[in-house]
Amino acid sequence: MKKNSMLHVNDLSKNFGTTQVFKGLNFEVLDGEIVALLGPSGCGKSTLLRMIAGLESVEIGQILQPDDVSKTIGYVFQKPILYPHLDVEGNVALGLGRKVSRKERQRIINDELTLVGLEGFSTRKIENLSGGEAQRITVVRALLGQPKLLLLDEPFSALDLGTRRKIAKDTRAILRSKNTAAIHVTHDPEEAEIIADRVLLWSDITHTDD
């Protein structure tokens, strides 16, 4: 691994029983770098993110990370996971990994919501959010935990095209402002170009048998 590497995937393969998901995956993510993995649906992108997050086992190959990175990984799923019995502030506060006063909590959350264009949404009920607003809140919540690496599993794919492009641009700006490294998986080339510093084609980083 390079000294400033957040993640190094080395000759990684994944099988489910006799079914091979992918083979010989190799790539690296550097400190503060936003990398998009571009590939078709069903190629194993989501499985890879689950392996990086420790939600799937690694049997073949290596996922190398500094200790301080592996303990602070954030994850944004394809569908926003929000709790309807809590308002926006209550949902976002779940990402705050430290105890602060009520006043300080409100200040932090209001500042973060302002970053994603949701100023004044603290008391909004979850049921009254649009899909784009809900996903912005999950991004804010994930970043409140101050992860060194954020995993984005096609979180904008269910949104309309215009909203998808706008949130991808906003998310990039937030990641840059916090110098947070990220892996964004998608099948949308334009979305990949908007959000990433570097776009990797799935076909270029995996080994395929002739």
Protein backbone atom coordinates (compact mmCIF):
# COMPACT_ATOMS: atom_id res chain seq x y z
CA MET A 1 0.00 0.00 0.00
CA LYS A 2 1.04 3.57 -0.65
CA LYS A 3 1.59 5.77 2.38
CA ASN A 4 -1.50 7.88 1.58
CA SER A 5 -3.70 4.92 0.63
CA MET A 6 -7.16 4.64 2.22
CA LEU A 7 -7.86 1.30 0.58
CA HIS A 8 -6.05 -1.24 -1.57
CA VAL A 9 -8.02 -4.08 -3.18
CA ASN A 10 -5.60 -6.80 -4.23
CA ASP A 11 -6.59 -9.65 -6.58
CA LEU A 12 -10.00 -9.95 -4.92
CA SER A 13 -12.50 -12.58 -6.06
CA LYS A 14 -15.94 -13.50 -4.77
CA ASN A 15 -18.02 -16.63 -5.18
CA PHE A 16 -21.43 -17.54 -3.85
CA GLY A 17 -21.38 -21.31 -3.92
CA THR A 18 -20.50 -22.32 -7.48
CA THR A 19 -21.42 -18.88 -8.87
CA GLN A 20 -18.53 -16.51 -9.47
CA VAL A 21 -19.50 -12.89 -8.81
CA PHE A 22 -16.19 -11.34 -9.90
CA LYS A 23 -12.55 -12.34 -10.25
CA GLY A 24 -9.19 -10.67 -9.79
CA LEU A 25 -10.35 -7.20 -8.74
CA ASN A 26 -7.56 -4.63 -8.27
CA PHE A 27 -7.71 -0.91 -7.46
CA GLU A 28 -6.65 1.67 -4.88
CA VAL A 29 -8.23 4.73 -3.26
CA LEU A 30 -5.99 7.50 -1.93
CA ASP A 31 -6.52 9.93 0.94
CA GLY A 32 -9.35 12.35 0.09
CA GLU A 33 -9.92 10.80 -3.34
CA ILE A 34 -13.40 10.17 -4.76
CA VAL A 35 -13.39 7.10 -7.00
CA ALA A 36 -16.34 5.97 -9.10
CA LEU A 37 -16.63 2.32 -10.10
CA LEU A 38 -18.62 2.19 -13.33
CA GLY A 39 -20.18 -1.08 -14.39
CA PRO A 40 -23.46 -2.74 -15.41
CA SER A 41 -26.08 -3.90 -12.94
CA GLY A 42 -25.34 -7.32 -11.51
CA CYS A 43 -21.57 -7.24 -11.99
CA GLY A 44 -20.83 -7.32 -8.24
CA LYS A 45 -20.35 -3.65 -7.33
CA SER A 46 -22.66 -3.79 -4.31
CA THR A 47 -21.10 -7.05 -3.15
CA LEU A 48 -17.69 -5.39 -3.26
CA LEU A 49 -18.86 -2.52 -1.05
CA ARG A 50 -20.33 -4.98 1.44
CA MET A 51 -16.97 -6.77 1.56
CA ILE A 52 -15.12 -3.50 2.18
CA ALA A 53 -17.57 -2.67 4.98
CA GLY A 54 -17.10 -6.11 6.55
CA LEU A 55 -20.65 -7.24 5.76
CA GLU A 56 -19.44 -10.00 3.42
CA SER A 57 -16.51 -12.35 3.97
CA VAL A 58 -13.23 -12.25 2.04
CA GLU A 59 -11.94 -15.66 1.00
CA ILE A 60 -9.83 -14.92 -2.08
CA GLY A 61 -7.56 -11.88 -2.33
CA GLN A 62 -7.09 -8.97 0.08
CA ILE A 63 -8.73 -5.74 1.16
CA LEU A 64 -6.00 -3.68 2.81
CA GLN A 65 -6.76 -0.61 4.93
CA PRO A 66 -5.02 1.34 7.68
CA ASP A 67 -6.59 0.52 11.06
CA ASP A 68 -7.98 4.01 11.52
CA VAL A 69 -9.79 3.73 8.18
CA SER A 70 -11.33 0.28 8.69
CA LYS A 71 -12.87 1.47 11.97
CA THR A 72 -14.45 4.59 10.45
CA ILE A 73 -16.20 3.54 7.24
CA GLY A 74 -19.49 5.19 6.31
CA TYR A 75 -22.11 3.53 4.11
CA VAL A 76 -24.96 5.01 2.07
CA PHE A 77 -27.30 2.34 0.69
CA GLN A 78 -29.32 2.33 -2.54
CA LYS A 79 -32.53 3.10 -0.64
CA PRO A 80 -32.56 5.66 2.18
CA ILE A 81 -32.94 4.02 5.59
CA LEU A 82 -34.77 6.49 7.80
CA TYR A 83 -36.89 5.96 10.91
CA PRO A 84 -40.44 7.33 10.53
CA HIS A 85 -40.98 7.77 14.27
CA LEU A 86 -38.13 10.32 14.32
CA ASP A 87 -38.08 13.69 12.58
CA VAL A 88 -35.19 14.77 10.33
CA GLU A 89 -33.09 15.99 13.27
CA GLY A 90 -33.62 12.72 15.14
CA ASN A 91 -32.56 10.66 12.12
CA VAL A 92 -29.49 12.76 11.40
CA ALA A 93 -28.47 12.74 15.09
CA LEU A 94 -28.04 8.95 14.90
CA GLY A 95 -24.86 9.60 12.94
CA LEU A 96 -23.36 11.83 15.60
CA GLY A 97 -20.83 9.56 17.24
CA ARG A 98 -20.21 11.70 20.31
CA LYS A 99 -22.23 13.22 23.11
CA VAL A 100 -22.92 16.93 22.81
CA SER A 101 -25.40 19.30 24.40
CA ARG A 102 -28.85 19.71 22.88
CA LYS A 103 -27.95 23.21 21.67
CA GLU A 104 -24.69 22.04 20.10
CA ARG A 105 -26.45 19.08 18.45
CA GLN A 106 -28.98 21.39 16.86
CA ARG A 107 -26.23 23.73 15.61
CA ILE A 108 -24.22 20.89 14.06
CA ILE A 109 -27.25 19.33 12.39
CA ASN A 110 -28.52 22.66 11.08
CA ASP A 111 -25.08 23.43 9.61
CA GLU A 112 -24.94 20.02 7.89
CA LEU A 113 -28.48 20.30 6.52
CA THR A 114 -27.63 23.73 5.12
CA LEU A 115 -24.72 22.17 3.21
CA VAL A 116 -27.15 19.96 1.27
CA GLY A 117 -29.77 22.64 0.73
CA LEU A 118 -32.14 21.44 3.45
CA GLU A 119 -31.96 24.39 5.82
CA GLY A 120 -35.00 24.47 8.11
CA PHE A 121 -35.80 20.77 7.67
CA SER A 122 -34.91 19.71 11.24
CA THR A 123 -38.49 19.19 12.41
CA ARG A 124 -39.77 17.83 9.08
CA LYS A 125 -41.45 14.42 9.25
CA ILE A 126 -39.83 11.65 7.21
CA GLU A 127 -43.11 10.89 5.43
CA ASN A 128 -43.10 14.42 4.01
CA LEU A 129 -39.71 14.12 2.31
CA SER A 130 -39.12 13.56 -1.38
CA GLY A 131 -36.79 10.75 -2.46
CA GLY A 132 -34.00 13.22 -3.14
CA GLU A 133 -34.40 14.93 0.22
CA ALA A 134 -34.39 11.58 2.03
CA GLN A 135 -31.17 10.51 0.34
CA ARG A 136 -29.46 13.82 1.11
CA ILE A 137 -30.28 13.23 4.78
CA THR A 138 -28.68 9.77 4.70
CA VAL A 139 -25.52 11.31 3.21
CA VAL A 140 -25.45 13.95 5.97
CA ARG A 141 -25.97 11.30 8.65
CA ALA A 142 -23.17 9.12 7.27
CA LEU A 143 -20.73 12.05 7.18
CA LEU A 144 -21.57 13.15 10.73
CA GLY A 145 -19.70 10.07 11.92
CA GLN A 146 -16.57 11.59 10.35
CA PRO A 147 -15.65 8.51 8.29
CA LYS A 148 -12.30 8.42 6.57
CA LEU A 149 -13.89 6.43 3.74
CA LEU A 150 -17.51 6.70 2.55
CA LEU A 151 -19.12 3.93 0.48
CA LEU A 152 -21.94 5.02 -1.84
CA ASP A 153 -23.98 2.13 -3.24
CA GLU A 154 -25.84 3.74 -6.17
CA PRO A 155 -27.79 5.93 -3.71
CA PHE A 156 -29.25 8.18 -6.43
CA SER A 157 -30.35 5.50 -8.91
CA ALA A 158 -34.07 5.68 -8.01
CA LEU A 159 -34.26 9.46 -8.52
CA ASP A 160 -35.17 11.33 -11.68
CA LEU A 161 -32.29 12.36 -13.93
CA GLY A 162 -32.16 16.03 -12.96
CA THR A 163 -32.28 15.31 -9.23
CA ARG A 164 -29.65 12.60 -9.61
CA ARG A 165 -27.21 14.97 -11.28
CA LYS A 166 -27.84 17.73 -8.73
CA ILE A 167 -27.34 15.48 -5.69
CA ALA A 168 -24.21 13.93 -7.22
CA LYS A 169 -22.75 17.44 -7.64
CA ASP A 170 -23.74 18.46 -4.10
CA THR A 171 -22.34 15.25 -2.60
CA ARG A 172 -19.02 15.80 -4.37
CA ALA A 173 -18.83 19.33 -2.95
CA ILE A 174 -19.46 18.06 0.58
CA LEU A 175 -16.88 15.28 0.29
CA ARG A 176 -14.32 17.76 -1.03
CA SER A 177 -15.02 20.24 1.77
CA LYS A 178 -14.44 17.51 4.37
CA ASN A 179 -11.55 15.86 2.46
CA THR A 180 -13.34 12.51 2.79
CA ALA A 181 -12.32 9.65 0.51
CA ALA A 182 -15.21 7.84 -1.16
CA ILE A 183 -16.12 4.97 -3.47
CA HIS A 184 -19.23 5.59 -5.54
CA VAL A 185 -20.60 2.68 -7.57
CA THR A 186 -22.92 3.36 -10.49
CA HIS A 187 -23.95 2.26 -13.98
CA ASP A 188 -24.43 5.89 -15.08
CA PRO A 189 -21.33 7.31 -16.86
CA GLU A 190 -22.39 10.95 -16.49
CA GLU A 191 -23.10 10.57 -12.78
CA ALA A 192 -19.67 8.97 -12.35
CA GLU A 193 -17.98 11.91 -14.09
CA ILE A 194 -19.88 14.45 -11.97
CA ILE A 195 -19.03 12.98 -8.58
CA ALA A 196 -15.58 11.43 -9.00
CA ASP A 197 -11.97 12.51 -9.24
CA ARG A 198 -11.27 9.25 -11.03
CA VAL A 199 -13.61 6.85 -12.86
CA LEU A 200 -12.66 3.16 -13.05
CA LEU A 201 -14.40 0.88 -15.53
CA TRP A 202 -15.34 -2.41 -13.90
CA SER A 203 -14.09 -4.29 -16.97
CA ASP A 204 -10.65 -2.67 -16.56
CA ILE A 205 -10.10 -3.58 -12.90
CA THR A 206 -11.30 -7.19 -13.01
CA HIS A 207 -9.73 -10.22 -14.62
CA THR A 208 -11.75 -11.97 -17.28
CA ASP A 209 -10.91 -15.35 -18.76
CA ASP A 210 -10.58 -15.48 -22.54
